[in-house]
Amino acid sequence: MTSIPLTLAEAVPLGTVLLQRLLDDAGIRSLVIKGPAFVELGVRKPKHSNDIDLLVAHQDRTAATEVLAQAGWSIISHWFPPALDEIIYSTTFRHPQFPATLDLHHHFSGFLAGDAFDVLWPSRTSVSIAHHDAVTVGREHALIIEGLNAIKLLKDGSRAEAARRVVEAAVQMRPDAVEAAARGVGARHTAAPLITALGGSEPSEPAPEGYRQWVDRGARNSSLDLVRDILQRAPGHAPRVVWEQLTLDPDVARFWAHTHGVPYRSPQQVLWVRIRRTFAR
C-alpha cells in the first residue's frame, strides 16, 4: 500500500502533538506557541501555518536538541554563540520525511525576564490539536506572544497599528489581566502597544535593561548587526561563525533562500545574494 504524503495543513497540527509528546516522554517540558494552539485559544484567526513552534526552558535547550536529533530531526539554521541567545532566540529543525519544519524557541523576543518560561509554565493550559491534548500558554500570555510576534520586526512608529489589529482579531480580554501577565515575563514595556490597544495605560515605571535596544531593533537582525553582536559579546567565536557563513551547508542555504523568497540554485549563489544584501543596506 502506497502512503499518501502529508500536506502542510495536516503536518503542522500532527507534528505539534508528536513533537511535544516526544519531548514530554524524555522529561522535557514544552509549550506550544502560535499556530493552531493560538487559534484554539481565540487569540488569532484561523490561518495556514508553515511550521511548528515549541518553547522550552533555556536550560532544557541542549537536551531537547539531543532528543530531536535522535528522532531524525536536524538543524538547518545557523549556529551562534550562547552570548546571543536572547537575539537568536530559536533553532530551526527539519526531518527528511516530514513537510513542516520546527522552530524550537529557548527565548521569545520581547520577554526581558530571564525566567520567562518558569512564569509561563504554572499558567499553562491544554487545547485540542489534531484531536489530542496539547499544552500551551495561558490566554493572556498567548495574546502577548501574538502581539510581540506582530510588532517585533517593525519600526517603533508602526507598532501601535499592528497591535490594534492583533487585539481586534482576538477574543476580548481585560487589560489589567494582560498587563499582569506581561509584567511576569518582563514584557510590560515591550507589549505596551498591545496593552494600550486593549484600553490600558502606558507603563509608569522606568524601563528595564534591554528595552531600549529592543525598541530600536526588535528582532531585526541584519548580517552587520550580528557581526557587531559577535565582536562585542563573543569575539572568540567570530572565526567559527564566519567560517560557517562562508561554507554554507546546502540544507541551511536552501532554508535561507526559501524563507527570504530567493530561488535556490546552490550554496554559493545564496552566499553571494547575502553578501550583496549586506552591503546594499
Protein backbone atom coordinates (compact mmCIF):
# COMPACT_ATOMS: atom_id res chain seq x y z
CA MET A 1 0.00 0.00 0.00
CA THR A 2 1.40 3.40 -1.02
CA SER A 3 1.48 6.06 1.69
CA ILE A 4 -0.01 9.48 0.94
CA PRO A 5 2.29 12.43 1.76
CA LEU A 6 1.02 14.85 4.38
CA THR A 7 0.09 18.36 3.36
CA LEU A 8 1.38 21.29 5.44
CA ALA A 9 -2.14 21.82 6.75
CA GLU A 10 -2.06 18.27 8.12
CA ALA A 11 1.60 18.18 9.12
CA VAL A 12 1.64 21.22 11.41
CA PRO A 13 -1.03 20.03 13.89
CA LEU A 14 0.06 16.39 13.76
CA GLY A 15 3.73 17.32 14.12
CA THR A 16 2.95 19.66 17.00
CA VAL A 17 1.36 16.87 19.01
CA LEU A 18 4.01 14.32 18.02
CA LEU A 19 6.99 16.52 18.93
CA GLN A 20 5.55 17.73 22.20
CA ARG A 21 4.89 14.13 23.19
CA LEU A 22 8.43 13.17 22.11
CA LEU A 23 9.90 15.82 24.42
CA ASP A 24 7.49 15.00 27.23
CA ASP A 25 8.49 11.31 27.11
CA ALA A 26 12.09 12.48 27.62
CA GLY A 27 11.08 14.54 30.66
CA ILE A 28 11.37 17.89 28.85
CA ARG A 29 8.62 20.46 29.38
CA SER A 30 7.45 22.35 26.31
CA LEU A 31 4.72 24.82 25.43
CA VAL A 32 3.10 25.07 22.03
CA ILE A 33 3.06 28.67 20.83
CA LYS A 34 1.47 30.40 17.83
CA GLY A 35 -0.14 28.25 15.13
CA PRO A 36 -3.20 26.07 15.82
CA ALA A 37 -2.86 26.42 19.61
CA PHE A 38 -3.44 30.17 19.46
CA VAL A 39 -6.39 29.65 17.12
CA GLU A 40 -7.93 27.36 19.75
CA LEU A 41 -7.27 29.95 22.46
CA GLY A 42 -9.03 32.62 20.41
CA VAL A 43 -6.07 34.98 20.08
CA ARG A 44 -5.73 34.64 16.30
CA LYS A 45 -7.99 33.91 13.39
CA PRO A 46 -7.60 30.54 11.66
CA LYS A 47 -4.79 30.73 9.13
CA HIS A 48 -2.33 28.49 7.36
CA SER A 49 0.77 27.73 9.45
CA ASN A 50 4.00 26.72 7.72
CA ASP A 51 5.91 25.47 10.74
CA ILE A 52 5.66 24.12 14.28
CA ASP A 53 6.60 26.34 17.22
CA LEU A 54 7.55 24.97 20.63
CA LEU A 55 9.03 26.86 23.58
CA VAL A 56 11.30 25.11 26.09
CA ALA A 57 13.12 26.35 29.17
CA HIS A 58 16.55 27.75 28.32
CA GLN A 59 18.28 25.12 30.43
CA ASP A 60 16.49 22.33 28.51
CA ARG A 61 17.59 23.51 25.08
CA THR A 62 20.57 21.13 24.76
CA ALA A 63 18.61 18.09 25.99
CA ALA A 64 15.72 18.89 23.64
CA THR A 65 18.12 19.19 20.70
CA GLU A 66 19.61 15.78 21.50
CA VAL A 67 16.16 14.17 21.69
CA LEU A 68 15.15 15.67 18.35
CA ALA A 69 18.42 14.59 16.73
CA GLN A 70 17.90 11.01 17.91
CA ALA A 71 14.47 11.10 16.26
CA GLY A 72 15.95 12.17 12.93
CA TRP A 73 15.50 15.95 13.13
CA SER A 74 18.49 18.03 12.04
CA ILE A 75 19.30 21.72 12.50
CA ILE A 76 19.02 23.89 9.38
CA SER A 77 19.62 27.28 10.97
CA HIS A 78 22.96 28.95 11.67
CA TRP A 79 24.90 28.39 14.88
CA PHE A 80 25.53 31.45 17.07
CA PRO A 81 27.32 31.60 20.44
CA PRO A 82 25.28 31.44 23.67
CA ALA A 83 26.01 35.13 24.32
CA LEU A 84 23.47 35.91 21.56
CA ASP A 85 20.73 33.65 22.92
CA GLU A 86 18.21 36.45 23.52
CA ILE A 87 18.82 37.79 19.98
CA ILE A 88 18.87 34.47 18.12
CA TYR A 89 16.03 33.01 20.14
CA SER A 90 15.12 29.82 18.27
CA THR A 91 16.65 26.93 16.33
CA THR A 92 15.05 25.55 13.18
CA PHE A 93 14.90 21.79 12.59
CA ARG A 94 13.78 19.66 9.69
CA HIS A 95 13.07 15.98 9.13
CA PRO A 96 13.65 14.40 5.70
CA GLN A 97 10.29 12.62 5.83
CA PHE A 98 8.20 15.46 7.27
CA PRO A 99 7.00 18.51 5.30
CA ALA A 100 6.86 21.01 8.20
CA THR A 101 9.87 22.49 9.97
CA LEU A 102 10.14 23.03 13.72
CA ASP A 103 11.17 26.26 15.42
CA LEU A 104 12.39 25.34 18.89
CA HIS A 105 12.35 28.54 20.98
CA HIS A 106 14.51 28.91 24.07
CA HIS A 107 13.52 32.58 24.40
CA PHE A 108 10.94 34.92 22.89
CA SER A 109 11.77 38.36 21.56
CA GLY A 110 10.37 41.00 23.92
CA PHE A 111 10.43 38.83 27.05
CA LEU A 112 13.04 40.65 29.14
CA ALA A 113 12.69 38.42 32.22
CA GLY A 114 15.34 35.71 32.39
CA ASP A 115 12.97 33.15 33.93
CA ALA A 116 10.07 33.71 31.49
CA PHE A 117 9.43 30.00 30.86
CA ASP A 118 9.03 29.32 34.58
CA VAL A 119 6.48 32.15 34.72
CA LEU A 120 4.56 30.77 31.74
CA TRP A 121 4.50 27.16 32.95
CA PRO A 122 2.25 27.50 36.04
CA SER A 123 -0.47 29.25 33.99
CA ARG A 124 -0.33 26.73 31.14
CA THR A 125 -3.49 25.27 29.68
CA SER A 126 -4.46 22.50 27.27
CA VAL A 127 -6.06 22.78 23.85
CA SER A 128 -7.18 20.16 21.37
CA ILE A 129 -4.88 19.86 18.35
CA ALA A 130 -5.38 17.03 15.84
CA HIS A 131 -7.86 15.52 18.36
CA HIS A 132 -5.18 15.31 21.06
CA ASP A 133 -4.41 17.46 24.09
CA ALA A 134 -1.51 19.86 23.65
CA VAL A 135 -0.01 22.04 26.38
CA THR A 136 0.18 25.74 25.60
CA VAL A 137 0.45 29.06 27.42
CA GLY A 138 -2.47 30.76 29.17
CA ARG A 139 -4.70 33.01 27.06
CA GLU A 140 -3.23 36.31 28.32
CA HIS A 141 0.32 35.15 27.68
CA ALA A 142 -0.75 33.91 24.25
CA LEU A 143 -2.08 37.35 23.36
CA ILE A 144 1.20 38.92 24.48
CA ILE A 145 3.21 36.49 22.35
CA GLU A 146 0.89 37.11 19.39
CA GLY A 147 1.27 40.87 19.84
CA LEU A 148 5.05 40.76 20.21
CA ASN A 149 5.28 38.48 17.19
CA ALA A 150 3.33 41.03 15.15
CA ILE A 151 5.47 44.02 16.14
CA LYS A 152 8.96 42.60 16.69
CA LEU A 153 10.10 43.19 13.09
CA LEU A 154 8.51 46.65 12.78
CA LYS A 155 9.93 50.09 13.41
CA ASP A 156 8.61 51.72 16.58
CA GLY A 157 6.20 54.03 14.75
CA SER A 158 4.36 51.12 13.10
CA ARG A 159 3.81 49.00 16.19
CA ALA A 160 0.64 50.61 17.57
CA GLU A 161 -1.37 49.85 14.43
CA ALA A 162 -0.11 46.27 14.28
CA ALA A 163 -1.02 45.77 17.95
CA ARG A 164 -4.50 47.16 17.31
CA ARG A 165 -5.06 44.56 14.58
CA VAL A 166 -3.98 41.77 16.94
CA VAL A 167 -6.48 42.96 19.56
CA GLU A 168 -9.29 43.18 17.00
CA ALA A 169 -8.66 39.60 15.86
CA ALA A 170 -8.66 38.14 19.39
CA VAL A 171 -11.36 37.37 21.91
CA GLN A 172 -11.96 40.15 24.42
CA MET A 173 -9.60 40.27 27.41
CA ARG A 174 -9.21 42.56 30.38
CA PRO A 175 -6.27 44.96 30.01
CA ASP A 176 -5.33 44.57 33.69
CA ALA A 177 -5.07 40.79 33.31
CA VAL A 178 -2.90 41.12 30.21
CA GLU A 179 -0.79 43.77 31.95
CA ALA A 180 -0.20 41.48 34.94
CA ALA A 181 0.77 38.62 32.62
CA ALA A 182 3.15 40.91 30.74
CA ARG A 183 4.87 42.02 33.95
CA GLY A 184 5.61 38.42 34.86
CA VAL A 185 7.61 37.78 31.69
CA GLY A 186 9.29 41.19 31.60
CA ALA A 187 7.14 42.43 28.72
CA ARG A 188 5.27 45.32 30.36
CA HIS A 189 7.17 47.85 28.24
CA THR A 190 7.69 45.83 25.06
CA ALA A 191 3.98 44.86 25.00
CA ALA A 192 2.84 48.42 25.82
CA PRO A 193 1.33 48.96 22.31
CA LEU A 194 -0.81 45.86 22.85
CA ILE A 195 -1.92 46.89 26.34
CA THR A 196 -2.86 50.41 25.23
CA ALA A 197 -4.77 48.93 22.27
CA LEU A 198 -6.79 46.97 24.85
CA GLY A 199 -7.58 50.23 26.68
CA GLY A 200 -4.86 50.00 29.31
CA SER A 201 -2.32 52.66 30.23
CA GLU A 202 1.30 53.24 29.34
CA PRO A 203 3.82 51.89 31.90
CA SER A 204 4.67 54.36 34.65
CA GLU A 205 7.81 52.70 36.00
CA PRO A 206 11.30 53.01 34.43
CA ALA A 207 12.02 50.71 31.51
CA PRO A 208 14.12 47.60 32.30
CA GLU A 209 17.56 46.85 30.92
CA GLY A 210 17.39 45.76 27.31
CA TYR A 211 14.21 47.65 26.49
CA ARG A 212 15.83 50.49 24.55
CA GLN A 213 17.75 48.05 22.38
CA TRP A 214 14.55 46.09 21.73
CA VAL A 215 12.66 49.22 20.66
CA ASP A 216 15.45 50.23 18.31
CA ARG A 217 15.97 46.78 16.85
CA GLY A 218 13.27 44.33 17.90
CA ALA A 219 14.00 41.04 16.14
CA ARG A 220 15.53 42.67 13.06
CA ASN A 221 18.94 41.01 12.65
CA SER A 222 20.91 42.14 9.62
CA SER A 223 24.24 40.47 8.89
CA LEU A 224 26.12 43.58 10.02
CA ASP A 225 24.11 43.72 13.26
CA LEU A 226 25.06 40.12 14.03
CA VAL A 227 28.72 40.72 13.22
CA ARG A 228 28.75 43.62 15.68
CA ASP A 229 26.97 41.49 18.30
CA ILE A 230 29.52 38.70 17.99
CA LEU A 231 32.51 41.04 18.12
CA GLN A 232 31.08 42.80 21.19
CA ARG A 233 29.73 39.80 23.10
CA ALA A 234 31.69 36.75 21.98
CA PRO A 235 34.73 37.75 19.90
CA GLY A 236 36.38 34.39 20.44
CA HIS A 237 33.61 32.70 18.44
CA ALA A 238 33.91 35.02 15.43
CA PRO A 239 36.14 32.69 13.34
CA ARG A 240 33.72 29.78 13.72
CA VAL A 241 30.69 31.90 12.81
CA VAL A 242 32.41 33.46 9.80
CA TRP A 243 33.57 30.06 8.55
CA GLU A 244 30.05 28.62 8.84
CA GLN A 245 28.63 31.61 6.97
CA LEU A 246 31.17 31.24 4.15
CA THR A 247 30.86 27.44 3.81
CA LEU A 248 27.10 27.17 3.79
CA ASP A 249 25.59 23.76 4.36
CA PRO A 250 23.21 23.05 1.43
CA ASP A 251 20.24 22.45 3.76
CA VAL A 252 20.91 25.72 5.61
CA ALA A 253 21.33 27.59 2.31
CA ARG A 254 18.13 26.12 0.88
CA PHE A 255 16.18 27.04 4.02
CA TRP A 256 17.53 30.61 3.97
CA ALA A 257 16.56 31.00 0.31
CA HIS A 258 13.06 29.68 0.97
CA THR A 259 12.43 31.99 3.94
CA HIS A 260 13.73 35.03 2.03
CA GLY A 261 11.88 34.36 -1.22
CA VAL A 262 15.04 33.66 -3.23
CA PRO A 263 15.07 30.90 -5.92
CA TYR A 264 17.64 28.35 -4.78
CA ARG A 265 20.40 27.15 -7.11
CA SER A 266 23.41 26.46 -4.89
CA PRO A 267 25.03 27.44 -1.55
CA GLN A 268 27.44 29.69 -3.45
CA GLN A 269 24.57 31.55 -5.12
CA VAL A 270 22.90 32.09 -1.72
CA LEU A 271 26.20 33.33 -0.26
CA TRP A 272 26.54 35.97 -2.99
CA VAL A 273 22.91 37.07 -2.54
CA ARG A 274 23.54 37.53 1.18
CA ILE A 275 26.77 39.46 0.61
CA ARG A 276 25.07 41.80 -1.86
CA ARG A 277 22.17 42.39 0.50
CA THR A 278 24.51 43.11 3.39
CA PHE A 279 26.44 45.83 1.60
CA ALA A 280 23.36 47.27 -0.09
CA ARG A 281 21.92 48.34 3.29
